[in-house]
N, C-alpha and C. Protein backbone atom coordinates (compact mmCIF):
# COMPACT_ATOMS: atom_id res chain seq x y z
N UNK A 1 -87.51 31.63 11.92
CA UNK A 1 -87.86 30.12 11.96
C UNK A 1 -86.95 29.11 11.58
N UNK A 2 -85.74 29.80 10.94
CA UNK A 2 -84.21 29.43 10.65
C UNK A 2 -83.47 29.00 11.98
N UNK A 3 -83.69 29.99 13.20
CA UNK A 3 -82.67 29.95 14.37
C UNK A 3 -83.83 28.88 15.07
N UNK A 4 -84.78 28.73 15.11
CA UNK A 4 -85.65 27.58 15.61
C UNK A 4 -85.88 26.28 15.29
N UNK A 5 -85.13 26.27 13.83
CA UNK A 5 -85.06 25.05 13.06
C UNK A 5 -86.40 24.65 12.49
N UNK A 6 -87.47 25.54 12.23
CA UNK A 6 -88.31 25.11 11.61
C UNK A 6 -88.36 25.16 10.40
N UNK A 7 -87.42 25.74 9.76
CA UNK A 7 -87.24 26.18 8.30
C UNK A 7 -85.50 26.09 8.17
N UNK A 8 -85.53 25.63 6.54
CA UNK A 8 -84.07 25.33 6.41
C UNK A 8 -83.65 26.79 5.88
N UNK A 9 -82.06 26.93 5.86
CA UNK A 9 -81.59 27.96 5.44
C UNK A 9 -81.92 28.48 3.99
N UNK A 10 -82.13 27.58 2.97
CA UNK A 10 -82.11 27.64 1.63
C UNK A 10 -83.69 28.21 1.37
N UNK A 11 -84.58 27.77 2.41
CA UNK A 11 -86.09 28.17 2.33
C UNK A 11 -86.39 29.55 2.54
N UNK A 12 -85.51 29.80 3.81
CA UNK A 12 -85.50 31.12 4.24
C UNK A 12 -85.36 32.15 3.13
N UNK A 13 -83.96 31.93 2.86
CA UNK A 13 -83.52 33.19 1.65
C UNK A 13 -84.60 33.16 0.81
N UNK A 14 -85.11 32.28 0.26
CA UNK A 14 -86.11 31.94 -1.07
C UNK A 14 -87.39 32.81 -0.48
N UNK A 15 -87.93 32.49 0.76
CA UNK A 15 -89.04 33.30 1.09
C UNK A 15 -88.78 34.54 1.92
N UNK A 16 -87.55 35.07 1.55
CA UNK A 16 -87.02 36.32 1.96
C UNK A 16 -87.20 36.53 3.34
N UNK A 17 -87.00 35.65 4.19
CA UNK A 17 -87.36 35.97 5.73
C UNK A 17 -85.77 35.95 6.42
N UNK A 18 -84.74 35.81 5.34
CA UNK A 18 -83.47 35.85 5.77
C UNK A 18 -82.54 36.32 4.63
N UNK A 19 -81.89 37.76 5.07
CA UNK A 19 -81.42 38.63 4.16
C UNK A 19 -79.98 38.86 4.28
N UNK A 20 -78.91 38.69 3.29
CA UNK A 20 -77.52 39.18 3.78
C UNK A 20 -77.14 40.05 2.98
N UNK A 21 -76.54 41.22 3.25
CA UNK A 21 -75.93 42.36 2.42
C UNK A 21 -74.52 42.15 2.53
N UNK A 22 -74.07 42.78 1.17
CA UNK A 22 -72.68 42.80 1.11
C UNK A 22 -71.85 41.81 0.21
N UNK A 23 -70.97 41.39 0.51
CA UNK A 23 -70.35 40.40 -0.49
C UNK A 23 -70.77 38.99 -0.46
N UNK A 24 -71.27 38.47 -1.65
CA UNK A 24 -71.78 37.33 -1.72
C UNK A 24 -71.04 36.16 -1.10
N UNK A 25 -69.63 36.26 -1.43
CA UNK A 25 -68.88 34.87 -0.73
C UNK A 25 -68.97 34.87 0.65
N UNK A 26 -69.22 36.02 1.47
CA UNK A 26 -69.35 36.08 2.89
C UNK A 26 -70.80 35.38 3.08
N UNK A 27 -71.76 35.87 2.59
CA UNK A 27 -73.13 35.40 2.46
C UNK A 27 -72.98 34.10 2.61
N UNK A 28 -72.38 33.47 1.33
CA UNK A 28 -72.47 31.74 1.47
C UNK A 28 -71.69 31.24 2.41
N UNK A 29 -70.58 31.97 3.11
CA UNK A 29 -69.88 31.38 4.15
C UNK A 29 -70.79 31.21 5.50
N UNK A 30 -71.49 32.24 5.47
CA UNK A 30 -72.59 32.60 6.76
C UNK A 30 -73.61 31.26 6.65
N UNK A 31 -74.18 30.81 5.42
CA UNK A 31 -74.99 30.02 5.10
C UNK A 31 -74.28 28.64 5.47
N UNK A 32 -73.52 28.23 5.06
CA UNK A 32 -72.51 27.27 5.32
C UNK A 32 -72.39 26.96 6.85
N UNK A 33 -71.91 28.08 7.55
CA UNK A 33 -72.00 27.97 8.97
C UNK A 33 -73.22 27.81 9.67
N UNK A 34 -74.25 28.08 9.20
CA UNK A 34 -75.42 28.05 9.66
C UNK A 34 -75.97 26.30 9.58
N UNK A 35 -75.89 26.00 8.19
CA UNK A 35 -76.03 24.69 8.15
C UNK A 35 -75.06 23.70 8.79
N UNK A 36 -74.01 24.02 9.11
CA UNK A 36 -72.96 23.25 10.09
C UNK A 36 -73.51 23.37 11.51
N UNK A 37 -73.86 24.26 11.96
CA UNK A 37 -74.58 24.50 13.46
C UNK A 37 -75.61 23.53 13.47
N UNK A 38 -76.57 23.48 12.54
CA UNK A 38 -77.66 22.64 12.60
C UNK A 38 -77.27 21.19 12.62
N UNK A 39 -76.39 20.85 11.69
CA UNK A 39 -76.01 19.50 11.53
C UNK A 39 -75.17 19.20 12.77
N UNK A 40 -74.72 19.97 13.62
CA UNK A 40 -73.98 19.75 15.06
C UNK A 40 -75.43 19.67 15.99
N UNK A 41 -76.12 20.34 16.14
CA UNK A 41 -76.98 20.56 17.28
C UNK A 41 -78.42 19.98 17.17
N UNK A 42 -78.76 19.09 16.00
CA UNK A 42 -79.58 18.63 16.05
C UNK A 42 -79.64 17.11 15.80
N UNK A 43 -80.61 16.16 16.12
CA UNK A 43 -80.25 14.88 15.89
C UNK A 43 -80.52 14.78 14.11
N UNK A 44 -79.53 13.29 13.54
CA UNK A 44 -79.54 13.36 12.38
C UNK A 44 -80.99 13.19 11.69
N UNK A 45 -81.99 12.53 11.99
CA UNK A 45 -83.34 12.54 11.25
C UNK A 45 -84.22 13.95 11.13
N UNK A 46 -83.60 15.01 12.07
CA UNK A 46 -84.15 16.05 11.86
C UNK A 46 -83.27 16.96 10.89
N UNK A 47 -81.92 16.73 10.88
CA UNK A 47 -81.26 17.67 10.10
C UNK A 47 -81.43 17.15 8.22
N UNK A 48 -81.63 16.02 8.42
CA UNK A 48 -81.94 15.41 7.07
C UNK A 48 -83.21 15.97 6.39
N UNK A 49 -84.23 16.45 7.32
CA UNK A 49 -85.37 17.13 6.82
C UNK A 49 -85.32 18.40 6.91
N UNK A 50 -84.17 19.21 7.52
CA UNK A 50 -84.01 20.49 7.67
C UNK A 50 -83.22 21.12 6.52
N UNK A 51 -82.06 20.35 6.17
CA UNK A 51 -81.10 20.79 5.31
C UNK A 51 -81.11 20.28 3.88
N UNK A 52 -80.79 20.79 2.98
CA UNK A 52 -81.14 20.23 1.56
C UNK A 52 -79.85 19.05 1.39
N UNK A 53 -78.38 19.49 2.21
CA UNK A 53 -77.59 18.49 1.73
C UNK A 53 -76.74 18.73 3.24
N UNK A 54 -76.82 17.31 3.65
CA UNK A 54 -75.97 17.24 4.97
C UNK A 54 -74.65 17.17 4.87
N UNK A 55 -73.84 18.13 5.76
CA UNK A 55 -72.43 18.18 5.64
C UNK A 55 -72.04 17.00 6.56
N UNK A 56 -70.47 16.52 6.07
CA UNK A 56 -70.09 15.22 6.49
C UNK A 56 -69.65 15.70 7.87
N UNK A 57 -69.95 15.06 8.88
CA UNK A 57 -69.46 15.40 10.29
C UNK A 57 -69.39 14.10 10.90
N UNK A 58 -68.08 13.79 11.39
CA UNK A 58 -67.80 12.50 12.03
C UNK A 58 -68.60 12.28 13.78
N UNK A 59 -68.76 11.53 14.28
CA UNK A 59 -69.26 11.36 15.25
C UNK A 59 -68.80 11.91 16.44
N UNK A 60 -67.44 11.72 16.61
CA UNK A 60 -66.44 12.27 17.64
C UNK A 60 -66.55 13.80 17.44
N UNK A 61 -66.27 14.34 16.06
CA UNK A 61 -66.45 15.74 15.87
C UNK A 61 -68.00 16.51 16.49
N UNK A 62 -69.18 15.68 16.04
CA UNK A 62 -70.20 16.11 16.20
C UNK A 62 -70.56 16.26 17.91
N UNK A 63 -69.72 15.24 18.57
CA UNK A 63 -69.83 15.08 20.05
C UNK A 63 -69.11 16.57 20.85
N UNK A 64 -67.98 16.91 20.08
CA UNK A 64 -66.89 17.58 20.64
C UNK A 64 -67.41 18.97 20.46
N UNK A 65 -67.82 19.38 19.45
CA UNK A 65 -68.31 20.54 18.94
C UNK A 65 -69.66 20.94 19.52
N UNK A 66 -70.47 19.70 19.69
CA UNK A 66 -71.97 20.28 20.25
C UNK A 66 -71.50 20.36 21.57
N UNK A 67 -70.69 19.63 22.47
CA UNK A 67 -70.57 19.76 23.97
C UNK A 67 -69.94 21.04 23.95
N UNK A 68 -69.00 21.71 23.15
CA UNK A 68 -68.72 23.41 23.30
C UNK A 68 -69.68 24.25 23.33
N UNK A 69 -70.55 23.94 21.86
CA UNK A 69 -71.72 24.70 21.85
C UNK A 69 -72.57 24.93 22.86
N UNK A 70 -72.96 23.56 23.50
CA UNK A 70 -73.97 23.74 24.66
C UNK A 70 -73.25 24.39 25.67
N UNK A 71 -72.10 24.15 25.99
CA UNK A 71 -71.25 24.79 27.24
C UNK A 71 -71.49 26.19 27.05
N UNK A 72 -71.23 26.72 25.54
CA UNK A 72 -71.03 28.08 25.60
C UNK A 72 -72.40 28.74 25.84
N UNK A 73 -73.53 28.14 25.41
CA UNK A 73 -74.91 28.38 25.84
C UNK A 73 -75.21 28.47 27.54
N UNK A 74 -74.94 27.41 27.90
CA UNK A 74 -75.23 27.23 29.47
C UNK A 74 -74.42 28.48 30.14
N UNK A 75 -73.01 28.68 29.63
CA UNK A 75 -72.11 29.74 30.41
C UNK A 75 -72.74 31.27 29.96
N UNK A 76 -73.40 31.38 28.91
CA UNK A 76 -73.98 32.57 28.59
C UNK A 76 -75.22 32.72 29.52
N UNK A 77 -75.97 31.72 29.45
CA UNK A 77 -77.25 31.87 30.52
C UNK A 77 -76.81 32.14 31.76
N UNK A 78 -75.66 31.52 32.49
CA UNK A 78 -75.50 31.48 33.90
C UNK A 78 -74.93 32.87 34.20
N UNK A 79 -74.20 33.62 33.16
CA UNK A 79 -73.53 34.90 33.41
C UNK A 79 -74.72 35.99 33.62
N UNK A 80 -75.73 35.70 32.70
CA UNK A 80 -76.96 36.35 32.76
C UNK A 80 -77.61 36.30 34.26
N UNK A 81 -77.61 35.46 35.18
CA UNK A 81 -78.58 35.40 36.16
C UNK A 81 -77.77 36.03 37.41
């Protein structure tokens, strides 16, 4: 549900739908990365509902990172065909 943006990352951890093993510092870094990906790839009104705290991202950064993210997805889909 986290990867389809139906549930926030902290809620998924609380409901034990998402588990990380190993170093707690790396687990927190992974969580912050997921939050950042959600903040970049989703519209602001969805991000505000999905995340506990919205990371500060400028519009220029959101557009450039989002474009690279979506280009990578398209490239990945094109290479499978």
